[in-house]
N, C-alpha and C. Protein backbone atom coordinates (compact mmCIF):
# COMPACT_ATOMS: atom_id res chain seq x y z
N MET A 1 264.31 73.06 52.00
CA MET A 1 263.01 73.53 51.61
C MET A 1 262.92 75.04 51.76
N ALA A 2 263.48 75.57 52.82
CA ALA A 2 263.38 77.02 53.09
C ALA A 2 264.06 77.84 52.03
N LYS A 3 265.14 77.35 51.47
CA LYS A 3 265.84 78.09 50.43
C LYS A 3 264.93 78.40 49.27
N ASN A 4 264.21 77.40 48.79
CA ASN A 4 263.31 77.61 47.65
C ASN A 4 262.15 78.48 48.00
N TRP A 5 261.68 78.43 49.26
CA TRP A 5 260.57 79.33 49.68
C TRP A 5 261.05 80.78 49.68
N LYS A 6 262.29 81.00 50.10
CA LYS A 6 262.82 82.36 50.10
C LYS A 6 262.89 82.87 48.66
N ASP A 7 263.37 82.04 47.74
CA ASP A 7 263.42 82.43 46.34
C ASP A 7 262.03 82.72 45.81
N HIS A 8 261.09 81.88 46.20
CA HIS A 8 259.68 82.02 45.77
C HIS A 8 259.12 83.36 46.23
N SER A 9 259.36 83.69 47.48
CA SER A 9 258.78 84.93 48.03
C SER A 9 259.42 86.18 47.45
N GLN A 10 260.66 86.06 46.93
CA GLN A 10 261.33 87.24 46.38
C GLN A 10 260.97 87.46 44.92
N GLN A 11 260.36 86.46 44.30
CA GLN A 11 259.92 86.60 42.93
C GLN A 11 258.46 87.03 42.89
N SER A 12 258.04 87.48 41.75
CA SER A 12 256.68 87.96 41.64
C SER A 12 255.78 86.84 41.11
N PHE A 13 255.59 85.83 41.96
CA PHE A 13 254.71 84.72 41.58
C PHE A 13 253.25 85.14 41.72
N GLN A 14 252.43 84.64 40.85
CA GLN A 14 251.00 84.84 40.94
C GLN A 14 250.49 84.00 42.10
N GLN A 15 249.69 84.58 42.98
CA GLN A 15 249.11 83.82 44.06
C GLN A 15 248.20 82.72 43.47
N PRO A 16 248.34 81.48 43.92
CA PRO A 16 247.46 80.45 43.40
C PRO A 16 245.99 80.72 43.78
N GLU A 17 245.09 80.40 42.88
CA GLU A 17 243.68 80.63 43.15
C GLU A 17 242.92 79.34 43.40
N THR A 18 243.54 78.20 43.11
CA THR A 18 242.92 76.90 43.35
C THR A 18 243.94 75.97 43.99
N SER A 19 243.44 74.90 44.54
CA SER A 19 244.33 73.89 45.13
C SER A 19 245.27 73.36 44.06
N ALA A 20 244.77 73.12 42.86
CA ALA A 20 245.62 72.62 41.76
C ALA A 20 246.73 73.62 41.43
N ASP A 21 246.40 74.92 41.41
CA ASP A 21 247.42 75.95 41.19
C ASP A 21 248.49 75.89 42.27
N ALA A 22 248.05 75.74 43.53
CA ALA A 22 248.97 75.68 44.66
C ALA A 22 249.88 74.47 44.54
N VAL A 23 249.32 73.33 44.20
CA VAL A 23 250.14 72.12 44.03
C VAL A 23 251.15 72.31 42.91
N ASN A 24 250.72 72.89 41.81
CA ASN A 24 251.66 73.15 40.71
C ASN A 24 252.82 74.04 41.15
N GLN A 25 252.54 75.06 41.96
CA GLN A 25 253.64 75.89 42.46
C GLN A 25 254.51 75.13 43.43
N LEU A 26 253.90 74.32 44.28
CA LEU A 26 254.67 73.52 45.24
C LEU A 26 255.60 72.54 44.50
N MET A 27 255.15 72.00 43.42
CA MET A 27 255.97 71.07 42.63
C MET A 27 257.22 71.79 42.09
N THR A 28 257.12 73.08 41.87
CA THR A 28 258.26 73.87 41.40
C THR A 28 259.14 74.30 42.56
N ILE A 29 258.53 74.63 43.68
CA ILE A 29 259.27 75.15 44.85
C ILE A 29 260.04 74.08 45.59
N LEU A 30 259.41 72.93 45.80
CA LEU A 30 260.01 71.91 46.64
C LEU A 30 261.16 71.23 45.93
N GLU A 31 262.21 70.90 46.70
CA GLU A 31 263.36 70.18 46.16
C GLU A 31 263.03 68.70 46.08
N GLY A 32 263.75 67.99 45.24
CA GLY A 32 263.51 66.58 45.02
C GLY A 32 263.47 65.74 46.28
N GLU A 33 264.40 65.97 47.17
CA GLU A 33 264.46 65.17 48.41
C GLU A 33 263.22 65.40 49.27
N HIS A 34 262.69 66.61 49.26
CA HIS A 34 261.46 66.88 50.04
C HIS A 34 260.23 66.24 49.39
N LYS A 35 260.21 66.27 48.08
CA LYS A 35 259.12 65.59 47.36
C LYS A 35 259.13 64.10 47.68
N LEU A 36 260.32 63.51 47.64
CA LEU A 36 260.42 62.07 47.95
C LEU A 36 259.98 61.76 49.36
N ALA A 37 260.38 62.62 50.32
CA ALA A 37 260.00 62.39 51.73
C ALA A 37 258.51 62.49 51.92
N ILE A 38 257.88 63.46 51.30
CA ILE A 38 256.44 63.62 51.40
C ILE A 38 255.72 62.44 50.76
N ALA A 39 256.16 62.05 49.57
CA ALA A 39 255.52 60.94 48.85
C ALA A 39 255.62 59.63 49.65
N ALA A 40 256.71 59.47 50.40
CA ALA A 40 256.92 58.24 51.18
C ALA A 40 256.11 58.20 52.47
N MET A 41 255.54 59.34 52.87
CA MET A 41 254.78 59.38 54.13
C MET A 41 253.47 58.62 53.99
N LYS A 42 253.02 58.07 55.09
CA LYS A 42 251.68 57.47 55.13
C LYS A 42 250.70 58.62 55.29
N ASN A 43 249.51 58.42 54.73
CA ASN A 43 248.48 59.45 54.73
C ASN A 43 248.21 60.00 56.14
N ASP A 44 248.15 59.09 57.12
CA ASP A 44 247.83 59.54 58.49
C ASP A 44 248.96 60.30 59.14
N LYS A 45 250.13 60.37 58.50
CA LYS A 45 251.27 61.13 59.03
C LYS A 45 251.41 62.51 58.41
N LEU A 46 250.56 62.84 57.44
CA LEU A 46 250.65 64.15 56.79
C LEU A 46 250.40 65.29 57.78
N ILE A 47 249.67 65.02 58.85
CA ILE A 47 249.40 66.03 59.87
C ILE A 47 250.72 66.54 60.46
N ASN A 48 251.76 65.72 60.40
CA ASN A 48 253.07 66.13 60.92
C ASN A 48 253.66 67.31 60.14
N LEU A 49 253.11 67.60 58.97
CA LEU A 49 253.58 68.73 58.16
C LEU A 49 252.84 70.02 58.48
N HIS A 50 251.89 69.95 59.37
CA HIS A 50 251.01 71.11 59.64
C HIS A 50 251.81 72.35 60.10
N PHE A 51 252.82 72.16 60.93
CA PHE A 51 253.54 73.30 61.48
C PHE A 51 254.86 73.58 60.72
N SER A 52 255.07 72.93 59.63
CA SER A 52 256.23 73.21 58.79
C SER A 52 255.74 73.60 57.40
N LEU A 53 255.53 72.65 56.54
CA LEU A 53 255.03 72.93 55.21
C LEU A 53 253.69 73.65 55.24
N GLY A 54 252.83 73.25 56.16
CA GLY A 54 251.52 73.89 56.28
C GLY A 54 251.62 75.39 56.59
N VAL A 55 252.53 75.74 57.49
CA VAL A 55 252.71 77.17 57.82
C VAL A 55 253.24 77.92 56.59
N MET A 56 254.19 77.31 55.88
CA MET A 56 254.73 77.97 54.70
C MET A 56 253.64 78.20 53.66
N ILE A 57 252.77 77.22 53.49
CA ILE A 57 251.67 77.34 52.52
C ILE A 57 250.72 78.46 52.97
N ARG A 58 250.33 78.45 54.24
CA ARG A 58 249.39 79.45 54.73
C ARG A 58 249.97 80.87 54.57
N ASN A 59 251.24 81.04 54.85
CA ASN A 59 251.85 82.37 54.77
C ASN A 59 252.13 82.77 53.32
N ALA A 60 252.79 81.91 52.55
CA ALA A 60 253.20 82.29 51.20
C ALA A 60 252.02 82.44 50.25
N PHE A 61 250.97 81.67 50.48
CA PHE A 61 249.83 81.69 49.56
C PHE A 61 248.68 82.51 50.04
N GLY A 62 248.88 83.28 51.10
CA GLY A 62 247.90 84.26 51.56
C GLY A 62 246.61 83.66 52.12
N LEU A 63 246.69 82.52 52.75
CA LEU A 63 245.47 81.86 53.25
C LEU A 63 244.88 82.56 54.48
N HIS A 64 245.65 83.47 55.08
CA HIS A 64 245.10 84.24 56.22
C HIS A 64 244.27 85.43 55.77
N GLU A 65 244.29 85.72 54.47
CA GLU A 65 243.52 86.85 53.93
C GLU A 65 242.07 86.40 53.75
N PRO A 66 241.10 87.08 54.38
CA PRO A 66 239.71 86.65 54.29
C PRO A 66 239.15 86.61 52.86
N ASP A 67 239.69 87.44 51.97
CA ASP A 67 239.19 87.45 50.60
C ASP A 67 240.08 86.61 49.63
N SER A 68 240.83 85.69 50.19
CA SER A 68 241.72 84.86 49.37
C SER A 68 240.91 83.95 48.46
N PRO A 69 241.14 84.07 47.14
CA PRO A 69 240.47 83.14 46.20
C PRO A 69 240.84 81.67 46.48
N LEU A 70 242.11 81.46 46.88
CA LEU A 70 242.54 80.09 47.18
C LEU A 70 241.76 79.54 48.37
N LEU A 71 241.62 80.33 49.42
CA LEU A 71 240.88 79.90 50.60
C LEU A 71 239.45 79.56 50.21
N ALA A 72 238.81 80.43 49.42
CA ALA A 72 237.45 80.16 49.00
C ALA A 72 237.34 78.90 48.14
N SER A 73 238.33 78.68 47.27
CA SER A 73 238.27 77.52 46.40
C SER A 73 238.46 76.22 47.16
N CYS A 74 239.08 76.32 48.34
CA CYS A 74 239.27 75.12 49.19
C CYS A 74 238.00 74.76 49.93
N GLY A 75 236.99 75.61 49.86
CA GLY A 75 235.70 75.31 50.47
C GLY A 75 235.69 75.43 51.98
N THR A 76 236.53 76.30 52.50
CA THR A 76 236.60 76.50 53.95
C THR A 76 236.93 77.95 54.26
N VAL A 77 236.68 78.36 55.48
CA VAL A 77 237.09 79.69 55.90
C VAL A 77 238.27 79.60 56.85
N HIS A 78 238.77 78.39 57.08
CA HIS A 78 239.85 78.16 58.02
C HIS A 78 241.18 77.90 57.27
N PRO A 79 242.14 78.79 57.41
CA PRO A 79 243.41 78.60 56.73
C PRO A 79 244.08 77.25 57.02
N ASP A 80 243.95 76.77 58.28
CA ASP A 80 244.54 75.48 58.64
C ASP A 80 243.94 74.35 57.80
N ASP A 81 242.61 74.37 57.68
CA ASP A 81 241.93 73.33 56.90
C ASP A 81 242.34 73.41 55.41
N ALA A 82 242.44 74.63 54.92
CA ALA A 82 242.83 74.81 53.53
C ALA A 82 244.23 74.28 53.27
N SER A 83 245.18 74.63 54.14
CA SER A 83 246.55 74.15 53.94
C SER A 83 246.63 72.63 54.07
N ASP A 84 245.84 72.06 54.98
CA ASP A 84 245.83 70.59 55.11
C ASP A 84 245.32 69.96 53.82
N GLY A 85 244.29 70.53 53.23
CA GLY A 85 243.78 70.03 51.94
C GLY A 85 244.79 70.15 50.83
N ILE A 86 245.54 71.24 50.82
CA ILE A 86 246.57 71.42 49.79
C ILE A 86 247.70 70.41 50.00
N VAL A 87 248.10 70.17 51.24
CA VAL A 87 249.10 69.16 51.53
C VAL A 87 248.63 67.77 51.03
N GLN A 88 247.37 67.47 51.31
CA GLN A 88 246.77 66.19 50.85
C GLN A 88 246.81 66.08 49.33
N ALA A 89 246.43 67.18 48.65
CA ALA A 89 246.46 67.18 47.18
C ALA A 89 247.88 67.03 46.66
N LEU A 90 248.85 67.69 47.32
CA LEU A 90 250.25 67.54 46.95
C LEU A 90 250.71 66.10 47.10
N TRP A 91 250.36 65.49 48.23
CA TRP A 91 250.71 64.11 48.50
C TRP A 91 250.16 63.18 47.43
N ASN A 92 248.87 63.38 47.07
CA ASN A 92 248.26 62.58 46.03
C ASN A 92 249.01 62.73 44.70
N ARG A 93 249.38 63.95 44.38
CA ARG A 93 250.09 64.19 43.13
C ARG A 93 251.47 63.54 43.16
N LEU A 94 252.17 63.68 44.28
CA LEU A 94 253.48 63.10 44.40
C LEU A 94 253.45 61.57 44.34
N ARG A 95 252.43 60.99 44.90
CA ARG A 95 252.28 59.52 44.90
C ARG A 95 252.04 58.97 43.49
N SER A 96 251.53 59.82 42.62
CA SER A 96 251.27 59.36 41.25
C SER A 96 252.27 59.90 40.25
N SER A 97 253.27 60.62 40.74
CA SER A 97 254.26 61.26 39.88
C SER A 97 255.42 60.29 39.57
N PRO A 98 255.80 60.14 38.29
CA PRO A 98 256.97 59.32 37.96
C PRO A 98 258.22 59.80 38.66
N GLU A 99 258.30 61.07 38.95
CA GLU A 99 259.47 61.67 39.62
C GLU A 99 259.67 61.06 41.00
N THR A 100 258.60 60.68 41.68
CA THR A 100 258.74 60.15 43.04
C THR A 100 258.38 58.68 43.15
N GLN A 101 257.85 58.07 42.10
CA GLN A 101 257.50 56.66 42.16
C GLN A 101 258.72 55.76 41.99
N ALA A 102 259.72 56.23 41.30
CA ALA A 102 260.87 55.39 41.01
C ALA A 102 261.73 55.07 42.20
N HIS A 103 261.43 55.77 43.33
CA HIS A 103 262.33 55.59 44.49
C HIS A 103 261.66 54.79 45.56
């Protein structure tokens, strides 16, 4: 997962402004095996991603910036809550994706 994040940070990606934008970028960044692992998780276990994927989301997507459009669109002023919501949205997308349903 870290390899793709490094590539992402070195490219000039547009900062996502909505949770849907963030999920779209995550679908590009994450490798297949990581998508499968996240899709296979139970909803109540997503909190286990808070200090790994959650940190990467908060840092790469600028959620610590008070004027972050993404933070505002998540309906919270807390970066932790915003990244948790994005992880939840990613999980929902992965659970309905043909890419991860076949496994």
